[in-house]
Structure formats: C-alpha cells, structure tokens
Amino acid sequence: MTPAIASLEAAGVAFTVHEYHHQPGGRDFGREAADALGVHPDRVFKTLLVADGEIVAVAIVPVSAQLSLKAAGRALGLKRLAMCEPERARRVTGYVLGGISPFGQRRRLPTVVDETGQLYDEIYVSGGRRGVDVGVAPADLIRLLDATTADITA
C-alpha cells in the first residue's frame, strides 16, 4: 500500500492497481509502464514537478509527449517555470523519481493536467512506487487534485 493508493481509497473513487516488474537502471519510467501494461503511451501520464522559485507545482502529461514549460507556466499563472530538481521533488512529494504519484503527496500542490487526458475513460498514473500504476477516471483525478486542464505539451 502506498500513500497514493491509500488516498484514493479514502476518497472512495473507483481505481485499478497495475503492478509490473520495474527494470532497475531504466530512466524512461512512463514508457516502461506503458509497455508493461500493454497500454498506448497516450493513456499513461507522467507526474512532473516544476518550480518557480519557492513555488512548486505539478504538471501531468502523457508519456508520449513533452511538457511545454511555457504553456504549463501560463496555465498555472507562473512566469519562470523550470523543472524541479530531483532531490527537491522527493522532499516535497515523499516519492522517489519514477514513482511520483499525483495522489498522496505530502501536501497538495497547484496541479495542471494536459487536456488530452479527458479523451479517455481511464488514464494511468504512478501509484507511488516504481512498478505500480493506478488507472483512474480523468474526471476523478482532476477533481481530487483540484487541478486545472490545459494544453501543456510541446
């Protein structure tokens, strides 16, 4: 049980847990998940942490796409957005790189989800550990995270 799964259970939303064997040393965690789950990469979303000085936020995009920092900054109302350093991301979320879930983080952060997530009945995000993804309805993800949606891919 991870904090992500515990928070989904506490919220009472429908979700599915998908475990797979994580290949140590791999760096493309999202593609690995899509391949292992047999799901198109457009439906597997990566949770990225971005920062504008002291402000840390979450951007959730398909693993098949690249995040546009400029577009994410506009959606979040932040001007000088950059990728968060891995150690800072770990401290802020409580999760390791490659296992950062949008659910069950240490505190709620401003969050933006790429609008393509709404094209599917279910999308997959990290379940809070490498080798664990959860499937959830995009509407539930957006509601539980109090997220906004926007076109945030490059």
Protein backbone atom coordinates (compact mmCIF):
# COMPACT_ATOMS: atom_id res chain seq x y z
CA MET A 1 0.00 0.00 0.00
CA THR A 2 1.34 3.39 -0.96
CA PRO A 3 0.13 6.83 0.16
CA ALA A 4 -1.32 7.25 -3.35
CA ILE A 5 -3.45 4.12 -3.08
CA ALA A 6 -4.47 4.99 0.48
CA SER A 7 -5.61 8.45 -0.62
CA LEU A 8 -7.65 7.00 -3.50
CA GLU A 9 -9.29 4.51 -1.15
CA ALA A 10 -10.06 7.27 1.36
CA ALA A 11 -11.63 9.37 -1.41
CA GLY A 12 -13.91 6.47 -2.34
CA VAL A 13 -13.27 6.68 -6.09
CA ALA A 14 -13.03 3.72 -8.44
CA PHE A 15 -9.47 2.88 -9.46
CA THR A 16 -7.42 -0.10 -10.54
CA VAL A 17 -3.92 -1.08 -9.44
CA HIS A 18 -1.47 -2.40 -12.03
CA GLU A 19 1.84 -3.84 -10.88
CA TYR A 20 4.69 -4.72 -13.22
CA HIS A 21 8.36 -5.58 -12.95
CA HIS A 22 10.42 -2.39 -12.99
CA GLN A 23 13.75 -2.75 -14.77
CA PRO A 24 16.42 -1.27 -12.47
CA GLY A 25 18.60 1.30 -14.19
CA GLY A 26 15.89 2.33 -16.63
CA ARG A 27 15.13 6.06 -16.88
CA ASP A 28 12.04 6.21 -19.11
CA PHE A 29 9.62 5.14 -16.39
CA GLY A 30 6.46 6.13 -18.25
CA ARG A 31 7.31 4.23 -21.44
CA GLU A 32 8.29 1.25 -19.33
CA ALA A 33 4.87 1.36 -17.65
CA ALA A 34 3.00 1.68 -20.97
CA ASP A 35 4.90 -1.27 -22.45
CA ALA A 36 4.49 -3.43 -19.35
CA LEU A 37 0.77 -2.69 -19.07
CA GLY A 38 0.13 -3.08 -22.80
CA VAL A 39 -1.46 0.38 -22.89
CA HIS A 40 -0.95 3.06 -25.55
CA PRO A 41 1.52 5.70 -24.25
CA ASP A 42 -1.09 8.43 -24.82
CA ARG A 43 -3.09 6.96 -21.90
CA VAL A 44 -0.18 6.72 -19.44
CA PHE A 45 0.60 10.06 -17.79
CA LYS A 46 3.79 11.15 -16.07
CA THR A 47 3.75 13.34 -12.98
CA LEU A 48 6.34 16.10 -13.32
CA LEU A 49 7.28 18.65 -10.70
CA VAL A 50 8.01 22.18 -11.82
CA ALA A 51 9.10 25.21 -9.83
CA ASP A 52 9.07 28.98 -10.00
CA GLY A 53 11.38 29.98 -7.18
CA GLU A 54 9.78 28.83 -3.93
CA ILE A 55 6.54 27.72 -5.62
CA VAL A 56 6.39 24.04 -6.61
CA ALA A 57 3.62 22.71 -8.83
CA VAL A 58 2.63 19.52 -10.64
CA ALA A 59 2.23 19.04 -14.39
CA ILE A 60 0.67 15.78 -15.59
CA VAL A 61 1.28 14.91 -19.26
CA PRO A 62 1.14 11.79 -21.45
CA VAL A 63 4.38 9.84 -21.57
CA SER A 64 4.17 10.15 -25.36
CA ALA A 65 4.59 13.94 -25.15
CA GLN A 66 6.98 16.56 -23.86
CA LEU A 67 5.95 19.17 -21.30
CA SER A 68 5.94 22.78 -22.52
CA LEU A 69 7.20 24.79 -19.56
CA LYS A 70 5.87 27.97 -21.14
CA ALA A 71 2.35 26.52 -21.57
CA ALA A 72 2.38 24.99 -18.09
CA GLY A 73 3.51 28.31 -16.63
CA ARG A 74 0.62 30.11 -18.33
CA ALA A 75 -1.86 27.51 -17.06
CA LEU A 76 -0.50 27.76 -13.51
CA GLY A 77 -0.06 31.53 -13.53
CA LEU A 78 3.70 31.24 -13.04
CA LYS A 79 6.32 33.17 -15.03
CA ARG A 80 9.73 31.50 -14.69
CA LEU A 81 8.88 27.83 -14.64
CA ALA A 82 11.67 25.23 -14.63
CA MET A 83 11.85 21.52 -13.90
CA CYS A 84 12.19 20.82 -10.20
CA GLU A 85 15.48 19.24 -9.11
CA PRO A 86 15.03 15.52 -8.32
CA GLU A 87 16.02 15.84 -4.66
CA ARG A 88 13.62 18.74 -4.12
CA ALA A 89 10.84 16.76 -5.86
CA ARG A 90 11.49 13.84 -3.48
CA ARG A 91 11.41 16.08 -0.42
CA VAL A 92 8.23 17.88 -1.48
CA THR A 93 6.24 14.79 -2.54
CA GLY A 94 7.65 12.00 -0.39
CA TYR A 95 8.15 9.88 -3.52
CA VAL A 96 11.24 8.77 -5.45
CA LEU A 97 11.84 9.80 -9.06
CA GLY A 98 9.99 7.40 -11.33
CA GLY A 99 7.41 6.73 -8.64
CA ILE A 100 5.99 10.20 -8.07
CA SER A 101 2.23 9.94 -7.96
CA PRO A 102 -0.10 12.91 -8.17
CA PHE A 103 -2.04 11.31 -5.29
CA GLY A 104 -0.94 11.09 -1.66
CA GLN A 105 1.77 13.72 -1.81
CA ARG A 106 2.90 15.34 1.44
CA ARG A 107 0.85 18.44 0.62
CA ARG A 108 -1.46 19.48 -2.18
CA LEU A 109 0.36 21.40 -4.87
CA PRO A 110 -1.08 23.51 -7.69
CA THR A 111 -1.71 20.99 -10.48
CA VAL A 112 -2.37 21.16 -14.20
CA VAL A 113 -3.33 18.13 -16.30
CA ASP A 114 -2.86 18.05 -20.06
CA GLU A 115 -6.27 18.35 -21.67
CA THR A 116 -5.79 15.14 -23.69
CA GLY A 117 -6.38 13.14 -20.52
CA GLN A 118 -10.08 13.90 -20.86
CA LEU A 119 -10.23 11.93 -24.13
CA TYR A 120 -10.21 8.61 -22.25
CA ASP A 121 -12.47 6.84 -19.78
CA GLU A 122 -9.40 5.79 -17.78
CA ILE A 123 -5.82 7.03 -17.67
CA TYR A 124 -2.84 5.62 -15.81
CA VAL A 125 -0.56 7.47 -13.41
CA SER A 126 2.09 6.35 -10.97
CA GLY A 127 0.76 4.53 -7.95
CA GLY A 128 3.52 5.90 -5.74
CA ARG A 129 6.24 3.35 -6.38
CA ARG A 130 8.26 2.27 -9.39
CA GLY A 131 6.44 -0.66 -10.93
CA VAL A 132 2.96 0.38 -9.76
CA ASP A 133 0.45 2.40 -11.76
CA VAL A 134 -3.16 3.18 -10.99
CA GLY A 135 -5.95 3.53 -13.52
CA VAL A 136 -8.42 6.28 -12.72
CA ALA A 137 -11.11 8.27 -14.49
CA PRO A 138 -9.68 11.62 -15.60
CA ALA A 139 -12.63 13.48 -14.05
CA ASP A 140 -11.82 11.89 -10.66
CA LEU A 141 -8.13 12.75 -10.99
CA ILE A 142 -8.94 16.38 -11.82
CA ARG A 143 -11.50 16.68 -9.02
CA LEU A 144 -9.38 15.02 -6.31
CA LEU A 145 -6.35 17.14 -7.15
CA ASP A 146 -8.37 20.32 -7.66
CA ALA A 147 -6.47 20.52 -10.95
CA THR A 148 -6.91 22.69 -13.98
CA THR A 149 -6.67 21.36 -17.52
CA ALA A 150 -4.85 22.94 -20.43
CA ASP A 151 -2.80 22.13 -23.50
CA ILE A 152 0.61 21.90 -21.80
CA THR A 153 2.55 19.76 -24.27
CA ALA A 154 5.19 20.96 -26.70
